[in-house]
Amino acid sequence: AHLLLAGLLRCSADVRRRYAALNLVYGYTDLVGTPSRLAFGRRLVFCNSELDWFARLFCPDAATRADASPLRADLPADLPPA
């Protein structure tokens, strides 16, 4: 989900119009951490330390993690429905 949305955000509006819908399943869409994730140390599948580890591997520079997080992106109105 992360890779698809991150890639689609960088495409032109003409390319985005070619998609009828998006299936955004199992994506790590916020590398910084949503308030709900940060409020709970242990989740059903991953704990905060595991997600932080993944974020460090995926985006080593913490200052750029918000930019690499589709959930925090300024989403264009012409994205297909998810």
N, C-alpha and C. Protein backbone atom coordinates (compact mmCIF):
# COMPACT_ATOMS: atom_id res chain seq x y z
N ALA A 1 0.83 -1.19 0.00
CA ALA A 1 0.00 0.00 0.00
C ALA A 1 0.87 1.25 0.00
N HIS A 2 1.92 1.25 0.82
CA HIS A 2 2.80 2.42 0.90
C HIS A 2 3.44 2.71 -0.44
N LEU A 3 4.01 1.69 -1.06
CA LEU A 3 4.71 1.89 -2.32
C LEU A 3 3.74 2.34 -3.42
N LEU A 4 2.57 1.74 -3.48
CA LEU A 4 1.59 2.12 -4.49
C LEU A 4 1.16 3.57 -4.32
N LEU A 5 0.80 3.97 -3.12
CA LEU A 5 0.34 5.33 -2.90
C LEU A 5 1.47 6.33 -3.07
N ALA A 6 2.65 6.02 -2.57
CA ALA A 6 3.79 6.93 -2.74
C ALA A 6 4.11 7.13 -4.22
N GLY A 7 4.06 6.07 -4.99
CA GLY A 7 4.32 6.18 -6.42
C GLY A 7 3.24 6.95 -7.14
N LEU A 8 1.99 6.67 -6.80
CA LEU A 8 0.87 7.34 -7.47
C LEU A 8 0.85 8.84 -7.17
N LEU A 9 1.28 9.23 -5.98
CA LEU A 9 1.33 10.64 -5.63
C LEU A 9 2.33 11.40 -6.49
N ARG A 10 3.31 10.70 -7.00
CA ARG A 10 4.33 11.34 -7.83
C ARG A 10 3.97 11.32 -9.32
N CYS A 11 2.88 10.67 -9.65
CA CYS A 11 2.43 10.60 -11.04
C CYS A 11 1.59 11.83 -11.40
N SER A 12 1.47 12.07 -12.67
CA SER A 12 0.64 13.18 -13.13
C SER A 12 -0.84 12.85 -12.95
N ALA A 13 -1.66 13.87 -13.01
CA ALA A 13 -3.11 13.67 -12.90
C ALA A 13 -3.61 12.78 -14.02
N ASP A 14 -3.01 12.87 -15.19
CA ASP A 14 -3.41 12.02 -16.32
C ASP A 14 -3.20 10.54 -16.00
N VAL A 15 -2.11 10.22 -15.36
CA VAL A 15 -1.84 8.83 -14.99
C VAL A 15 -2.79 8.39 -13.88
N ARG A 16 -3.03 9.24 -12.89
CA ARG A 16 -3.93 8.87 -11.79
C ARG A 16 -5.34 8.59 -12.29
N ARG A 17 -5.79 9.27 -13.33
CA ARG A 17 -7.14 9.05 -13.87
C ARG A 17 -7.31 7.66 -14.48
N ARG A 18 -6.23 7.00 -14.77
CA ARG A 18 -6.30 5.66 -15.38
C ARG A 18 -6.71 4.58 -14.37
N TYR A 19 -6.67 4.88 -13.11
CA TYR A 19 -7.01 3.91 -12.06
C TYR A 19 -8.45 4.10 -11.62
N ALA A 20 -9.20 3.03 -11.56
CA ALA A 20 -10.59 3.09 -11.11
C ALA A 20 -10.69 3.04 -9.59
N ALA A 21 -9.76 2.34 -8.95
CA ALA A 21 -9.78 2.20 -7.49
C ALA A 21 -8.41 1.74 -7.03
N LEU A 22 -8.15 1.89 -5.74
CA LEU A 22 -6.89 1.46 -5.13
C LEU A 22 -7.19 0.45 -4.03
N ASN A 23 -6.40 -0.59 -3.95
CA ASN A 23 -6.53 -1.57 -2.88
C ASN A 23 -5.35 -1.37 -1.94
N LEU A 24 -5.53 -0.52 -0.95
CA LEU A 24 -4.45 -0.15 -0.04
C LEU A 24 -4.51 -1.01 1.23
N VAL A 25 -3.93 -2.17 1.15
CA VAL A 25 -3.96 -3.13 2.25
C VAL A 25 -2.54 -3.35 2.76
N TYR A 26 -2.40 -3.43 4.06
CA TYR A 26 -1.13 -3.74 4.71
C TYR A 26 -0.01 -2.77 4.37
N GLY A 27 -0.31 -1.52 4.47
CA GLY A 27 0.72 -0.53 4.22
C GLY A 27 1.14 0.17 5.49
N TYR A 28 2.39 0.55 5.55
CA TYR A 28 2.88 1.37 6.66
C TYR A 28 2.83 2.79 6.15
N THR A 29 1.71 3.46 6.36
CA THR A 29 1.46 4.73 5.72
C THR A 29 1.91 5.94 6.53
N ASP A 30 2.36 5.74 7.76
CA ASP A 30 2.85 6.86 8.56
C ASP A 30 4.11 6.44 9.31
N LEU A 31 5.27 6.82 8.78
CA LEU A 31 6.55 6.43 9.37
C LEU A 31 6.86 7.21 10.64
N VAL A 32 6.14 8.29 10.89
CA VAL A 32 6.36 9.09 12.09
C VAL A 32 5.62 8.48 13.27
N GLY A 33 4.41 8.01 13.02
CA GLY A 33 3.60 7.40 14.08
C GLY A 33 2.33 8.19 14.32
N THR A 34 1.20 7.55 14.12
CA THR A 34 -0.08 8.20 14.41
C THR A 34 -0.26 8.29 15.92
N PRO A 35 -1.08 9.21 16.39
CA PRO A 35 -1.32 9.32 17.84
C PRO A 35 -1.80 8.00 18.45
N SER A 36 -2.66 7.28 17.74
CA SER A 36 -3.16 6.02 18.30
C SER A 36 -2.05 4.97 18.41
N ARG A 37 -1.15 4.94 17.43
CA ARG A 37 -0.04 3.98 17.51
C ARG A 37 0.89 4.34 18.66
N LEU A 38 1.18 5.63 18.80
CA LEU A 38 2.10 6.07 19.85
C LEU A 38 1.51 5.89 21.25
N ALA A 39 0.19 5.88 21.35
CA ALA A 39 -0.46 5.75 22.66
C ALA A 39 -0.40 4.33 23.22
N PHE A 40 -0.21 3.35 22.35
CA PHE A 40 -0.20 1.96 22.78
C PHE A 40 1.13 1.32 22.41
N GLY A 41 1.80 0.72 23.38
CA GLY A 41 3.10 0.12 23.11
C GLY A 41 3.01 -1.18 22.33
N ARG A 42 1.99 -1.97 22.60
CA ARG A 42 1.88 -3.28 21.95
C ARG A 42 0.57 -3.34 21.17
N ARG A 43 0.66 -3.71 19.92
CA ARG A 43 -0.51 -3.85 19.07
C ARG A 43 -0.73 -5.34 18.79
N LEU A 44 -1.75 -5.63 18.02
CA LEU A 44 -2.08 -7.01 17.70
C LEU A 44 -0.94 -7.69 16.94
N VAL A 45 -0.35 -6.98 15.99
CA VAL A 45 0.68 -7.60 15.16
C VAL A 45 2.07 -7.09 15.48
N PHE A 46 2.25 -5.77 15.51
CA PHE A 46 3.57 -5.18 15.75
C PHE A 46 3.54 -4.29 16.99
N CYS A 47 4.67 -4.17 17.66
CA CYS A 47 4.77 -3.22 18.76
C CYS A 47 5.51 -1.97 18.25
N ASN A 48 5.47 -0.91 19.04
CA ASN A 48 6.07 0.35 18.61
C ASN A 48 7.54 0.21 18.28
N SER A 49 8.28 -0.56 19.06
CA SER A 49 9.72 -0.70 18.80
C SER A 49 9.98 -1.38 17.45
N GLU A 50 9.13 -2.31 17.07
CA GLU A 50 9.29 -2.97 15.76
C GLU A 50 8.97 -2.00 14.62
N LEU A 51 7.93 -1.20 14.78
CA LEU A 51 7.57 -0.22 13.75
C LEU A 51 8.62 0.88 13.65
N ASP A 52 9.18 1.29 14.77
CA ASP A 52 10.27 2.27 14.75
C ASP A 52 11.50 1.70 14.05
N TRP A 53 11.79 0.44 14.30
CA TRP A 53 12.92 -0.23 13.64
C TRP A 53 12.71 -0.25 12.13
N PHE A 54 11.51 -0.60 11.70
CA PHE A 54 11.21 -0.61 10.27
C PHE A 54 11.36 0.79 9.68
N ALA A 55 10.84 1.81 10.37
CA ALA A 55 10.93 3.18 9.87
C ALA A 55 12.39 3.60 9.73
N ARG A 56 13.25 3.23 10.69
CA ARG A 56 14.69 3.57 10.60
C ARG A 56 15.34 2.89 9.41
N LEU A 57 14.97 1.64 9.12
CA LEU A 57 15.54 0.94 7.97
C LEU A 57 15.04 1.52 6.66
N PHE A 58 13.76 1.83 6.61
CA PHE A 58 13.13 2.32 5.39
C PHE A 58 13.56 3.76 5.09
N CYS A 59 13.66 4.56 6.12
CA CYS A 59 13.96 5.99 5.95
C CYS A 59 14.89 6.41 7.10
N PRO A 60 16.21 6.20 6.94
CA PRO A 60 17.15 6.45 8.03
C PRO A 60 17.14 7.88 8.59
N ASP A 61 16.88 8.86 7.76
CA ASP A 61 16.86 10.25 8.21
C ASP A 61 15.49 10.57 8.79
N ALA A 62 15.40 10.68 10.11
CA ALA A 62 14.13 10.92 10.78
C ALA A 62 13.45 12.20 10.30
N ALA A 63 14.24 13.17 9.85
CA ALA A 63 13.67 14.44 9.39
C ALA A 63 12.86 14.28 8.11
N THR A 64 13.08 13.21 7.37
CA THR A 64 12.37 13.03 6.10
C THR A 64 11.23 12.01 6.20
N ARG A 65 11.01 11.44 7.36
CA ARG A 65 9.97 10.40 7.49
C ARG A 65 8.57 10.93 7.25
N ALA A 66 8.28 12.15 7.65
CA ALA A 66 6.95 12.70 7.40
C ALA A 66 6.71 12.84 5.91
N ASP A 67 7.74 13.25 5.17
CA ASP A 67 7.61 13.38 3.71
C ASP A 67 7.43 12.03 3.03
N ALA A 68 7.92 10.96 3.65
CA ALA A 68 7.81 9.61 3.09
C ALA A 68 6.55 8.89 3.57
N SER A 69 5.68 9.59 4.27
CA SER A 69 4.47 9.00 4.84
C SER A 69 3.24 9.44 4.06
N PRO A 70 2.66 8.55 3.23
CA PRO A 70 1.48 8.93 2.45
C PRO A 70 0.31 9.42 3.29
N LEU A 71 0.18 8.94 4.51
CA LEU A 71 -0.93 9.37 5.36
C LEU A 71 -0.84 10.86 5.67
N ARG A 72 0.36 11.40 5.67
CA ARG A 72 0.58 12.82 5.96
C ARG A 72 0.64 13.68 4.70
N ALA A 73 0.49 13.06 3.54
CA ALA A 73 0.61 13.79 2.28
C ALA A 73 -0.61 14.67 2.02
N ASP A 74 -0.37 15.68 1.24
CA ASP A 74 -1.47 16.51 0.74
C ASP A 74 -2.04 15.78 -0.47
N LEU A 75 -3.06 14.97 -0.24
CA LEU A 75 -3.58 14.09 -1.28
C LEU A 75 -4.38 14.86 -2.31
N PRO A 76 -4.07 14.66 -3.59
CA PRO A 76 -4.82 15.33 -4.64
C PRO A 76 -6.27 14.81 -4.70
N ALA A 77 -7.17 15.67 -5.10
CA ALA A 77 -8.58 15.30 -5.16
C ALA A 77 -8.87 14.28 -6.24
N ASP A 78 -7.96 14.13 -7.21
CA ASP A 78 -8.23 13.22 -8.33
C ASP A 78 -7.72 11.79 -8.10
N LEU A 79 -7.34 11.46 -6.86
CA LEU A 79 -6.96 10.06 -6.59
C LEU A 79 -8.19 9.19 -6.68
N PRO A 80 -8.03 7.97 -7.18
CA PRO A 80 -9.17 7.05 -7.21
C PRO A 80 -9.58 6.65 -5.79
N PRO A 81 -10.80 6.18 -5.60
CA PRO A 81 -11.22 5.77 -4.26
C PRO A 81 -10.42 4.57 -3.78
N ALA A 82 -10.21 4.53 -2.49
CA ALA A 82 -9.47 3.40 -1.89
C ALA A 82 -10.45 2.37 -1.35
